[in-house]
Amino acid sequence: MLNENKNELYPIFLKVSELNVLIVGGGNVALEKLTFLLKSSPNAKVALIAMDFSKEVLELAKKYNILTMQRPYSKNILYKQHIVIAATNDTNVNRQMYNDAKAKQLLINVADTPELCDFYLGGIVTKGNIKVAISTNGKSPTMAKRLRQFFEAVIPEEVDDLAKNLNKFRKTIKGDFSRKVTTLNKLTESLVK
């Protein structure tokens, strides 16, 4: 059970260009989820399923070559999926998707229903190869958005150059793993002072 006073989520960075992501829904919530996903991962493998799609969803799907299928939800569409995002305006359909996804051991996010989520889509700041994820444990997407805006403003674009240079330097360090870590820690300690 989650401690209400502590965020016990484990952050991971998924290669969604190598995973099958299914978004069920075609309205504003689906648009928000799709936009968020593509902003962070423009090459994500996504399929959209809904009875009706908004003009904006269709335009975004076309721009990124996203598969759209106009059909009702049924559990057979979960076949070969890895991640499911339920974004319909029907709570019964969303709950059915949750139950079906859990039965198939798939990760699912049911929009605006934290208790039916295996993961949350938090705020993300990207500066080249550097990516910072922000979570409020599902408590306040608005706060995650504001923190994202703050970090986008204060983290300089040049941080990516630093990461690339550190990677080059790392490859030149001789010795075992422990020695490499010690050397890089000494080199980067001024970043946190």
N, C-alpha and C. Protein backbone atom coordinates (compact mmCIF):
# COMPACT_ATOMS: atom_id res chain seq x y z
N MET A 1 0.84 -1.19 0.00
CA MET A 1 0.00 0.00 0.00
C MET A 1 0.88 1.25 0.00
N LEU A 2 0.52 2.22 -0.82
CA LEU A 2 1.29 3.45 -0.91
C LEU A 2 1.12 4.29 0.35
N ASN A 3 2.23 4.83 0.83
CA ASN A 3 2.21 5.78 1.92
C ASN A 3 1.73 7.10 1.34
N GLU A 4 0.64 7.64 1.84
CA GLU A 4 0.06 8.88 1.30
C GLU A 4 1.00 10.08 1.40
N ASN A 5 1.98 10.02 2.29
CA ASN A 5 2.87 11.16 2.49
C ASN A 5 4.18 11.03 1.71
N LYS A 6 4.31 9.99 0.93
CA LYS A 6 5.55 9.78 0.20
C LYS A 6 5.24 9.20 -1.18
N ASN A 7 5.91 9.72 -2.17
CA ASN A 7 5.75 9.22 -3.52
C ASN A 7 6.64 7.99 -3.67
N GLU A 8 6.04 6.82 -3.74
CA GLU A 8 6.79 5.57 -3.84
C GLU A 8 6.82 5.03 -5.26
N LEU A 9 6.46 5.85 -6.23
CA LEU A 9 6.53 5.42 -7.62
C LEU A 9 7.98 5.23 -8.03
N TYR A 10 8.21 4.29 -8.92
CA TYR A 10 9.56 4.05 -9.43
C TYR A 10 9.64 4.59 -10.85
N PRO A 11 10.41 5.66 -11.06
CA PRO A 11 10.48 6.25 -12.40
C PRO A 11 11.33 5.39 -13.35
N ILE A 12 10.82 5.22 -14.54
CA ILE A 12 11.58 4.53 -15.59
C ILE A 12 11.40 5.31 -16.89
N PHE A 13 12.30 5.12 -17.81
CA PHE A 13 12.21 5.76 -19.11
C PHE A 13 12.04 4.65 -20.14
N LEU A 14 10.88 4.59 -20.74
CA LEU A 14 10.52 3.52 -21.67
C LEU A 14 10.88 3.89 -23.10
N LYS A 15 11.33 2.91 -23.84
CA LYS A 15 11.59 3.09 -25.27
C LYS A 15 10.28 2.81 -26.02
N VAL A 16 9.39 3.80 -26.03
CA VAL A 16 8.07 3.59 -26.62
C VAL A 16 8.11 3.48 -28.14
N SER A 17 9.26 3.69 -28.73
CA SER A 17 9.39 3.42 -30.16
C SER A 17 9.53 1.92 -30.40
N GLU A 18 9.77 1.17 -29.33
CA GLU A 18 9.91 -0.29 -29.43
C GLU A 18 8.78 -1.04 -28.73
N LEU A 19 7.83 -0.30 -28.18
CA LEU A 19 6.68 -0.90 -27.50
C LEU A 19 5.40 -0.49 -28.22
N ASN A 20 4.38 -1.31 -28.10
CA ASN A 20 3.09 -0.99 -28.70
C ASN A 20 2.22 -0.28 -27.66
N VAL A 21 1.88 0.97 -27.97
CA VAL A 21 1.06 1.79 -27.08
C VAL A 21 -0.31 1.96 -27.72
N LEU A 22 -1.34 1.64 -26.96
CA LEU A 22 -2.71 1.77 -27.44
C LEU A 22 -3.42 2.87 -26.66
N ILE A 23 -3.99 3.82 -27.38
CA ILE A 23 -4.83 4.84 -26.74
C ILE A 23 -6.25 4.61 -27.23
N VAL A 24 -7.16 4.42 -26.29
CA VAL A 24 -8.57 4.23 -26.65
C VAL A 24 -9.31 5.50 -26.29
N GLY A 25 -9.83 6.14 -27.30
CA GLY A 25 -10.53 7.41 -27.15
C GLY A 25 -10.11 8.33 -28.28
N GLY A 26 -10.97 9.26 -28.64
CA GLY A 26 -10.66 10.13 -29.76
C GLY A 26 -10.96 11.59 -29.51
N GLY A 27 -11.21 11.95 -28.25
CA GLY A 27 -11.56 13.34 -27.93
C GLY A 27 -10.42 14.10 -27.30
N ASN A 28 -10.79 15.08 -26.48
CA ASN A 28 -9.80 15.97 -25.87
C ASN A 28 -8.82 15.25 -24.95
N VAL A 29 -9.29 14.29 -24.18
CA VAL A 29 -8.40 13.56 -23.27
C VAL A 29 -7.41 12.72 -24.07
N ALA A 30 -7.88 12.06 -25.09
CA ALA A 30 -6.98 11.29 -25.96
C ALA A 30 -5.97 12.21 -26.64
N LEU A 31 -6.43 13.38 -27.06
CA LEU A 31 -5.52 14.36 -27.67
C LEU A 31 -4.43 14.76 -26.69
N GLU A 32 -4.81 15.03 -25.45
CA GLU A 32 -3.84 15.41 -24.43
C GLU A 32 -2.81 14.30 -24.21
N LYS A 33 -3.27 13.06 -24.08
CA LYS A 33 -2.36 11.93 -23.85
C LYS A 33 -1.45 11.71 -25.06
N LEU A 34 -2.01 11.78 -26.26
CA LEU A 34 -1.22 11.58 -27.46
C LEU A 34 -0.19 12.69 -27.63
N THR A 35 -0.60 13.92 -27.40
CA THR A 35 0.31 15.07 -27.52
C THR A 35 1.47 14.92 -26.55
N PHE A 36 1.17 14.58 -25.32
CA PHE A 36 2.19 14.39 -24.28
C PHE A 36 3.18 13.31 -24.70
N LEU A 37 2.65 12.20 -25.17
CA LEU A 37 3.50 11.08 -25.56
C LEU A 37 4.40 11.45 -26.74
N LEU A 38 3.84 12.09 -27.75
CA LEU A 38 4.61 12.41 -28.94
C LEU A 38 5.60 13.56 -28.71
N LYS A 39 5.28 14.46 -27.79
CA LYS A 39 6.22 15.54 -27.48
C LYS A 39 7.50 14.95 -26.90
N SER A 40 7.34 13.96 -26.04
CA SER A 40 8.50 13.34 -25.41
C SER A 40 9.15 12.30 -26.32
N SER A 41 8.34 11.59 -27.08
CA SER A 41 8.82 10.48 -27.90
C SER A 41 8.16 10.51 -29.27
N PRO A 42 8.67 11.35 -30.18
CA PRO A 42 8.03 11.52 -31.49
C PRO A 42 7.95 10.24 -32.33
N ASN A 43 8.77 9.25 -32.02
CA ASN A 43 8.75 8.00 -32.79
C ASN A 43 8.01 6.88 -32.07
N ALA A 44 7.18 7.24 -31.10
CA ALA A 44 6.41 6.23 -30.35
C ALA A 44 5.53 5.42 -31.30
N LYS A 45 5.43 4.13 -31.02
CA LYS A 45 4.54 3.25 -31.79
C LYS A 45 3.17 3.29 -31.10
N VAL A 46 2.26 4.04 -31.70
CA VAL A 46 0.95 4.26 -31.09
C VAL A 46 -0.15 3.86 -32.06
N ALA A 47 -1.20 3.30 -31.49
CA ALA A 47 -2.44 3.06 -32.23
C ALA A 47 -3.57 3.74 -31.46
N LEU A 48 -4.49 4.32 -32.20
CA LEU A 48 -5.66 4.98 -31.61
C LEU A 48 -6.92 4.25 -32.03
N ILE A 49 -7.79 4.02 -31.05
CA ILE A 49 -9.06 3.37 -31.35
C ILE A 49 -10.18 4.18 -30.72
N ALA A 50 -11.20 4.49 -31.50
CA ALA A 50 -12.37 5.21 -31.00
C ALA A 50 -13.48 5.10 -32.04
N MET A 51 -14.68 5.38 -31.60
CA MET A 51 -15.80 5.43 -32.53
C MET A 51 -15.76 6.75 -33.32
N ASP A 52 -15.32 7.80 -32.64
CA ASP A 52 -15.21 9.11 -33.29
C ASP A 52 -13.92 9.78 -32.86
N PHE A 53 -13.28 10.47 -33.80
CA PHE A 53 -12.04 11.20 -33.53
C PHE A 53 -12.27 12.68 -33.78
N SER A 54 -11.72 13.50 -32.88
CA SER A 54 -11.79 14.94 -33.12
C SER A 54 -10.87 15.28 -34.29
N LYS A 55 -11.13 16.43 -34.88
CA LYS A 55 -10.30 16.91 -35.98
C LYS A 55 -8.84 17.01 -35.54
N GLU A 56 -8.61 17.53 -34.32
CA GLU A 56 -7.25 17.72 -33.81
C GLU A 56 -6.52 16.38 -33.63
N VAL A 57 -7.24 15.38 -33.14
CA VAL A 57 -6.63 14.05 -32.97
C VAL A 57 -6.23 13.50 -34.33
N LEU A 58 -7.12 13.60 -35.29
CA LEU A 58 -6.81 13.08 -36.64
C LEU A 58 -5.64 13.82 -37.27
N GLU A 59 -5.57 15.13 -37.09
CA GLU A 59 -4.45 15.90 -37.65
C GLU A 59 -3.12 15.48 -37.02
N LEU A 60 -3.11 15.31 -35.71
CA LEU A 60 -1.89 14.88 -35.02
C LEU A 60 -1.51 13.47 -35.44
N ALA A 61 -2.49 12.59 -35.52
CA ALA A 61 -2.23 11.21 -35.94
C ALA A 61 -1.64 11.17 -37.35
N LYS A 62 -2.17 11.99 -38.24
CA LYS A 62 -1.66 12.04 -39.62
C LYS A 62 -0.23 12.56 -39.64
N LYS A 63 0.03 13.62 -38.88
CA LYS A 63 1.36 14.23 -38.84
C LYS A 63 2.43 13.22 -38.40
N TYR A 64 2.08 12.35 -37.45
CA TYR A 64 3.05 11.39 -36.91
C TYR A 64 2.84 9.97 -37.42
N ASN A 65 1.99 9.81 -38.43
CA ASN A 65 1.74 8.51 -39.04
C ASN A 65 1.24 7.49 -38.01
N ILE A 66 0.28 7.91 -37.20
CA ILE A 66 -0.30 7.07 -36.15
C ILE A 66 -1.49 6.32 -36.73
N LEU A 67 -1.56 5.03 -36.46
CA LEU A 67 -2.68 4.20 -36.91
C LEU A 67 -3.94 4.60 -36.14
N THR A 68 -5.02 4.86 -36.85
CA THR A 68 -6.32 5.13 -36.23
C THR A 68 -7.31 4.09 -36.73
N MET A 69 -8.11 3.58 -35.80
CA MET A 69 -9.15 2.61 -36.15
C MET A 69 -10.47 3.08 -35.56
N GLN A 70 -11.45 3.26 -36.43
CA GLN A 70 -12.77 3.69 -35.98
C GLN A 70 -13.59 2.45 -35.68
N ARG A 71 -13.65 2.14 -34.39
CA ARG A 71 -14.39 0.95 -33.93
C ARG A 71 -14.58 1.03 -32.44
N PRO A 72 -15.52 0.28 -31.90
CA PRO A 72 -15.71 0.29 -30.44
C PRO A 72 -14.62 -0.53 -29.76
N TYR A 73 -14.46 -0.28 -28.46
CA TYR A 73 -13.50 -1.06 -27.68
C TYR A 73 -13.98 -2.50 -27.54
N SER A 74 -13.07 -3.42 -27.69
CA SER A 74 -13.29 -4.82 -27.33
C SER A 74 -11.94 -5.35 -26.87
N LYS A 75 -11.95 -6.33 -25.98
CA LYS A 75 -10.70 -6.76 -25.36
C LYS A 75 -9.71 -7.38 -26.35
N ASN A 76 -10.18 -7.82 -27.52
CA ASN A 76 -9.24 -8.40 -28.48
C ASN A 76 -8.27 -7.37 -29.05
N ILE A 77 -8.57 -6.08 -28.93
CA ILE A 77 -7.63 -5.06 -29.42
C ILE A 77 -6.40 -4.93 -28.53
N LEU A 78 -6.43 -5.58 -27.37
CA LEU A 78 -5.28 -5.55 -26.46
C LEU A 78 -4.19 -6.52 -26.89
N TYR A 79 -4.49 -7.37 -27.86
CA TYR A 79 -3.52 -8.34 -28.35
C TYR A 79 -2.26 -7.65 -28.86
N LYS A 80 -1.12 -8.09 -28.41
CA LYS A 80 0.20 -7.58 -28.78
C LYS A 80 0.45 -6.13 -28.34
N GLN A 81 -0.31 -5.64 -27.38
CA GLN A 81 -0.06 -4.31 -26.83
C GLN A 81 0.82 -4.45 -25.59
N HIS A 82 1.54 -3.40 -25.26
CA HIS A 82 2.36 -3.38 -24.05
C HIS A 82 1.82 -2.39 -23.03
N ILE A 83 1.32 -1.27 -23.54
CA ILE A 83 0.83 -0.19 -22.68
C ILE A 83 -0.52 0.26 -23.22
N VAL A 84 -1.47 0.48 -22.30
CA VAL A 84 -2.81 0.91 -22.70
C VAL A 84 -3.15 2.20 -21.96
N ILE A 85 -3.71 3.14 -22.70
CA ILE A 85 -4.20 4.38 -22.10
C ILE A 85 -5.69 4.48 -22.42
N ALA A 86 -6.50 4.44 -21.38
CA ALA A 86 -7.95 4.54 -21.52
C ALA A 86 -8.34 6.00 -21.42
N ALA A 87 -8.85 6.56 -22.50
CA ALA A 87 -9.15 7.99 -22.54
C ALA A 87 -10.53 8.24 -23.13
N THR A 88 -11.48 7.37 -22.81
CA THR A 88 -12.84 7.58 -23.30
C THR A 88 -13.61 8.41 -22.28
N ASN A 89 -14.79 8.87 -22.67
CA ASN A 89 -15.64 9.59 -21.73
C ASN A 89 -16.68 8.68 -21.10
N ASP A 90 -16.47 7.37 -21.19
CA ASP A 90 -17.39 6.38 -20.64
C ASP A 90 -16.67 5.62 -19.51
N THR A 91 -17.05 5.90 -18.28
CA THR A 91 -16.36 5.28 -17.13
C THR A 91 -16.51 3.76 -17.13
N ASN A 92 -17.62 3.24 -17.64
CA ASN A 92 -17.80 1.78 -17.68
C ASN A 92 -16.83 1.15 -18.67
N VAL A 93 -16.64 1.78 -19.83
CA VAL A 93 -15.69 1.27 -20.82
C VAL A 93 -14.26 1.36 -20.26
N ASN A 94 -13.94 2.48 -19.62
CA ASN A 94 -12.61 2.65 -19.04
C ASN A 94 -12.35 1.56 -17.98
N ARG A 95 -13.34 1.29 -17.12
CA ARG A 95 -13.17 0.25 -16.09
C ARG A 95 -13.02 -1.13 -16.74
N GLN A 96 -13.76 -1.39 -17.80
CA GLN A 96 -13.64 -2.67 -18.50
C GLN A 96 -12.24 -2.82 -19.10
N MET A 97 -11.73 -1.72 -19.68
CA MET A 97 -10.36 -1.75 -20.22
C MET A 97 -9.36 -2.06 -19.12
N TYR A 98 -9.55 -1.43 -17.96
CA TYR A 98 -8.66 -1.68 -16.83
C TYR A 98 -8.68 -3.16 -16.47
N ASN A 99 -9.87 -3.73 -16.32
CA ASN A 99 -9.99 -5.15 -15.95
C ASN A 99 -9.37 -6.05 -17.02
N ASP A 100 -9.63 -5.75 -18.28
CA ASP A 100 -9.08 -6.56 -19.37
C ASP A 100 -7.55 -6.45 -19.42
N ALA A 101 -7.03 -5.25 -19.25
CA ALA A 101 -5.57 -5.05 -19.27
C ALA A 101 -4.91 -5.78 -18.11
N LYS A 102 -5.51 -5.70 -16.93
CA LYS A 102 -4.94 -6.39 -15.76
C LYS A 102 -4.93 -7.90 -15.98
N ALA A 103 -6.00 -8.43 -16.59
CA ALA A 103 -6.07 -9.87 -16.86
C ALA A 103 -4.96 -10.31 -17.81
N LYS A 104 -4.53 -9.42 -18.70
CA LYS A 104 -3.46 -9.72 -19.65
C LYS A 104 -2.10 -9.22 -19.16
N GLN A 105 -2.04 -8.72 -17.93
CA GLN A 105 -0.81 -8.20 -17.32
C GLN A 105 -0.18 -7.07 -18.14
N LEU A 106 -1.03 -6.18 -18.63
CA LEU A 106 -0.58 -5.01 -19.37
C LEU A 106 -0.56 -3.80 -18.45
N LEU A 107 0.33 -2.88 -18.71
CA LEU A 107 0.34 -1.62 -17.98
C LEU A 107 -0.77 -0.74 -18.53
N ILE A 108 -1.53 -0.12 -17.62
CA ILE A 108 -2.65 0.72 -18.06
C ILE A 108 -2.71 2.01 -17.26
N ASN A 109 -3.11 3.06 -17.97
CA ASN A 109 -3.40 4.36 -17.37
C ASN A 109 -4.83 4.69 -17.75
N VAL A 110 -5.68 4.86 -16.75
CA VAL A 110 -7.05 5.29 -17.00
C VAL A 110 -7.12 6.77 -16.67
N ALA A 111 -7.34 7.58 -17.67
CA ALA A 111 -7.29 9.04 -17.52
C ALA A 111 -8.17 9.52 -16.39
N ASP A 112 -7.60 10.41 -15.58
CA ASP A 112 -8.31 11.05 -14.48
C ASP A 112 -8.88 10.08 -13.45
N THR A 113 -8.27 8.89 -13.35
CA THR A 113 -8.71 7.90 -12.37
C THR A 113 -7.47 7.24 -11.76
N PRO A 114 -6.78 7.94 -10.85
CA PRO A 114 -5.51 7.44 -10.32
C PRO A 114 -5.56 6.03 -9.75
N GLU A 115 -6.68 5.66 -9.14
CA GLU A 115 -6.77 4.31 -8.55
C GLU A 115 -6.79 3.21 -9.61
N LEU A 116 -7.01 3.57 -10.87
CA LEU A 116 -7.00 2.59 -11.97
C LEU A 116 -5.78 2.79 -12.87
N CYS A 117 -4.69 3.24 -12.29
CA CYS A 117 -3.48 3.50 -13.08
C CYS A 117 -2.30 2.69 -12.54
N ASP A 118 -1.59 2.04 -13.45
CA ASP A 118 -0.30 1.42 -13.11
C ASP A 118 0.82 2.44 -13.20
N PHE A 119 0.57 3.52 -13.93
CA PHE A 119 1.56 4.56 -14.13
C PHE A 119 0.84 5.87 -14.39
N TYR A 120 1.55 6.95 -14.16
CA TYR A 120 1.03 8.29 -14.43
C TYR A 120 1.89 8.94 -15.50
N LEU A 121 1.28 9.82 -16.25
CA LEU A 121 2.01 10.60 -17.24
C LEU A 121 2.30 11.95 -16.59
N GLY A 122 3.50 12.09 -16.04
CA GLY A 122 3.87 13.30 -15.32
C GLY A 122 4.43 14.36 -16.24
N GLY A 123 5.03 15.36 -15.63
CA GLY A 123 5.67 16.42 -16.40
C GLY A 123 7.05 15.96 -16.85
N ILE A 124 7.44 16.35 -18.05
CA ILE A 124 8.74 15.95 -18.59
C ILE A 124 9.45 17.16 -19.16
N VAL A 125 10.71 17.30 -18.79
CA VAL A 125 11.57 18.35 -19.34
C VAL A 125 12.64 17.66 -20.16
N THR A 126 12.81 18.07 -21.40
CA THR A 126 13.81 17.47 -22.27
C THR A 126 14.74 18.56 -22.78
N LYS A 127 16.03 18.34 -22.58
CA LYS A 127 17.08 19.22 -23.11
C LYS A 127 18.09 18.31 -23.79
N GLY A 128 17.87 18.04 -25.07
CA GLY A 128 18.74 17.12 -25.79
C GLY A 128 18.64 15.72 -25.22
N ASN A 129 19.78 15.18 -24.73
CA ASN A 129 19.79 13.84 -24.15
C ASN A 129 19.34 13.81 -22.69
N ILE A 130 19.19 14.97 -22.09
CA ILE A 130 18.80 15.05 -20.69
C ILE A 130 17.28 15.10 -20.61
N LYS A 131 16.72 14.24 -19.78
CA LYS A 131 15.28 14.19 -19.60
C LYS A 131 15.00 14.09 -18.11
N VAL A 132 14.15 14.98 -17.61
CA VAL A 132 13.78 15.00 -16.20
C VAL A 132 12.28 14.75 -16.13
N ALA A 133 11.88 13.75 -15.34
CA ALA A 133 10.46 13.45 -15.17
C ALA A 133 10.00 13.96 -13.81
N ILE A 134 8.77 14.46 -13.78
CA ILE A 134 8.20 15.03 -12.57
C ILE A 134 6.90 14.31 -12.26
N SER A 135 6.77 13.86 -11.02
CA SER A 135 5.55 13.20 -10.60
C SER A 135 5.01 13.84 -9.33
N THR A 136 3.70 13.97 -9.27
CA THR A 136 3.04 14.40 -8.04
C THR A 136 2.25 13.23 -7.45
N ASN A 137 2.59 12.01 -7.88
CA ASN A 137 1.92 10.80 -7.39
C ASN A 137 0.43 10.82 -7.76
N GLY A 138 0.12 11.45 -8.89
CA GLY A 138 -1.26 11.51 -9.34
C GLY A 138 -2.11 12.53 -8.62
N LYS A 139 -1.50 13.31 -7.75
CA LYS A 139 -2.26 14.26 -6.92
C LYS A 139 -2.57 15.57 -7.64
N SER A 140 -1.64 16.06 -8.46
CA SER A 140 -1.86 17.37 -9.08
C SER A 140 -1.13 17.51 -10.41
N PRO A 141 -1.80 17.14 -11.51
CA PRO A 141 -1.19 17.36 -12.82
C PRO A 141 -0.83 18.82 -13.07
N THR A 142 -1.61 19.73 -12.50
CA THR A 142 -1.32 21.16 -12.67
C THR A 142 0.02 21.52 -12.04
N MET A 143 0.31 20.97 -10.86
CA MET A 143 1.60 21.25 -10.23
C MET A 143 2.73 20.66 -11.05
N ALA A 144 2.55 19.45 -11.58
CA ALA A 144 3.58 18.85 -12.43
C ALA A 144 3.84 19.73 -13.64
N LYS A 145 2.78 20.29 -14.21
CA LYS A 145 2.93 21.19 -15.36
C LYS A 145 3.73 22.44 -14.98
N ARG A 146 3.40 23.04 -13.83
CA ARG A 146 4.10 24.26 -13.40
C ARG A 146 5.57 23.96 -13.09
N LEU A 147 5.85 22.83 -12.46
CA LEU A 147 7.24 22.45 -12.19
C LEU A 147 7.99 22.21 -13.49
N ARG A 148 7.33 21.58 -14.46
CA ARG A 148 7.95 21.38 -15.78
C ARG A 148 8.32 22.71 -16.40
N GLN A 149 7.41 23.67 -16.35
CA GLN A 149 7.68 24.99 -16.92
C GLN A 149 8.85 25.65 -16.21
N PHE A 150 8.92 25.51 -14.89
CA PHE A 150 10.01 26.09 -14.12
C PHE A 150 11.35 25.48 -14.54
N PHE A 151 11.41 24.14 -14.60
CA PHE A 151 12.67 23.48 -14.96
C PHE A 151 13.06 23.74 -16.41
N GLU A 152 12.09 23.85 -17.30
CA GLU A 152 12.41 24.20 -18.68
C GLU A 152 13.10 25.56 -18.74
N ALA A 153 12.67 26.46 -17.87
CA ALA A 153 13.25 27.81 -17.88
C ALA A 153 14.63 27.86 -17.23
N VAL A 154 14.87 27.06 -16.18
CA VAL A 154 16.13 27.19 -15.45
C VAL A 154 17.23 26.23 -15.91
N ILE A 155 16.87 25.14 -16.56
CA ILE A 155 17.91 24.22 -17.06
C ILE A 155 18.37 24.73 -18.42
N PRO A 156 19.65 25.07 -18.53
CA PRO A 156 20.12 25.65 -19.80
C PRO A 156 20.20 24.60 -20.93
N GLU A 157 20.04 25.07 -22.13
CA GLU A 157 20.15 24.19 -23.31
C GLU A 157 21.54 23.52 -23.36
N GLU A 158 22.55 24.23 -22.86
CA GLU A 158 23.93 23.73 -22.90
C GLU A 158 24.16 22.50 -22.03
N VAL A 159 23.18 22.13 -21.20
CA VAL A 159 23.36 20.96 -20.35
C VAL A 159 23.57 19.70 -21.21
N ASP A 160 23.00 19.69 -22.41
CA ASP A 160 23.19 18.56 -23.30
C ASP A 160 24.65 18.46 -23.77
N ASP A 161 25.27 19.62 -24.04
CA ASP A 161 26.69 19.63 -24.42
C ASP A 161 27.54 19.05 -23.30
N LEU A 162 27.21 19.42 -22.06
CA LEU A 162 27.94 18.89 -20.90
C LEU A 162 27.81 17.37 -20.83
N ALA A 163 26.60 16.86 -21.04
CA ALA A 163 26.39 15.41 -21.00
C ALA A 163 27.21 14.70 -22.09
N LYS A 164 27.23 15.27 -23.27
CA LYS A 164 28.01 14.67 -24.37
C LYS A 164 29.51 14.68 -24.05
N ASN A 165 29.99 15.80 -23.51
CA ASN A 165 31.41 15.89 -23.15
C ASN A 165 31.78 14.92 -22.03
N LEU A 166 30.90 14.78 -21.05
CA LEU A 166 31.15 13.83 -19.97
C LEU A 166 31.17 12.39 -20.50
N ASN A 167 30.32 12.11 -21.47
CA ASN A 167 30.31 10.78 -22.07
C ASN A 167 31.64 10.49 -22.77
N LYS A 168 32.13 11.49 -23.52
CA LYS A 168 33.44 11.31 -24.19
C LYS A 168 34.54 11.09 -23.16
N PHE A 169 34.53 11.91 -22.09
CA PHE A 169 35.56 11.79 -21.05
C PHE A 169 35.47 10.43 -20.35
N ARG A 170 34.25 9.99 -20.09
CA ARG A 170 34.04 8.70 -19.42
C ARG A 170 34.72 7.57 -20.17
N LYS A 171 34.67 7.65 -21.49
CA LYS A 171 35.26 6.59 -22.32
C LYS A 171 36.79 6.58 -22.25
N THR A 172 37.40 7.68 -21.81
CA THR A 172 38.86 7.75 -21.73
C THR A 172 39.41 7.34 -20.36
N ILE A 173 38.53 7.22 -19.36
CA ILE A 173 38.99 6.90 -18.00
C ILE A 173 39.40 5.42 -17.94
N LYS A 174 40.56 5.19 -17.41
CA LYS A 174 41.06 3.81 -17.27
C LYS A 174 40.71 3.30 -15.88
N GLY A 175 40.63 1.99 -15.74
CA GLY A 175 40.38 1.38 -14.43
C GLY A 175 39.01 0.71 -14.38
N ASP A 176 38.71 0.22 -13.18
CA ASP A 176 37.44 -0.50 -12.99
C ASP A 176 36.28 0.48 -12.82
N PHE A 177 35.11 -0.05 -12.67
CA PHE A 177 33.89 0.75 -12.56
C PHE A 177 33.98 1.73 -11.39
N SER A 178 34.46 1.26 -10.26
CA SER A 178 34.56 2.10 -9.07
C SER A 178 35.44 3.31 -9.31
N ARG A 179 36.55 3.10 -9.98
CA ARG A 179 37.47 4.21 -10.27
C ARG A 179 36.81 5.22 -11.21
N LYS A 180 36.10 4.73 -12.22
CA LYS A 180 35.42 5.61 -13.17
C LYS A 180 34.36 6.46 -12.45
N VAL A 181 33.60 5.83 -11.57
CA VAL A 181 32.57 6.56 -10.82
C VAL A 181 33.20 7.63 -9.95
N THR A 182 34.27 7.28 -9.24
CA THR A 182 34.96 8.23 -8.37
C THR A 182 35.48 9.43 -9.18
N THR A 183 36.09 9.15 -10.31
CA THR A 183 36.62 10.22 -11.16
C THR A 183 35.52 11.14 -11.66
N LEU A 184 34.42 10.57 -12.15
CA LEU A 184 33.32 11.38 -12.67
C LEU A 184 32.61 12.15 -11.55
N ASN A 185 32.51 11.54 -10.37
CA ASN A 185 31.90 12.24 -9.24
C ASN A 185 32.72 13.47 -8.86
N LYS A 186 34.03 13.33 -8.84
CA LYS A 186 34.89 14.48 -8.52
C LYS A 186 34.75 15.56 -9.58
N LEU A 187 34.69 15.16 -10.83
CA LEU A 187 34.60 16.11 -11.93
C LEU A 187 33.27 16.89 -11.91
N THR A 188 32.20 16.23 -11.50
CA THR A 188 30.87 16.86 -11.58
C THR A 188 30.35 17.40 -10.25
N GLU A 189 31.13 17.30 -9.18
CA GLU A 189 30.62 17.74 -7.87
C GLU A 189 30.28 19.22 -7.85
N SER A 190 30.90 20.02 -8.68
CA SER A 190 30.58 21.46 -8.68
C SER A 190 29.18 21.74 -9.23
N LEU A 191 28.57 20.78 -9.91
CA LEU A 191 27.24 20.98 -10.45
C LEU A 191 26.17 21.11 -9.35
N VAL A 192 26.45 20.56 -8.17
CA VAL A 192 25.47 20.58 -7.09
C VAL A 192 25.82 21.54 -5.96
N LYS A 193 26.84 22.35 -6.16
CA LYS A 193 27.23 23.30 -5.11
C LYS A 193 26.59 24.63 -5.33
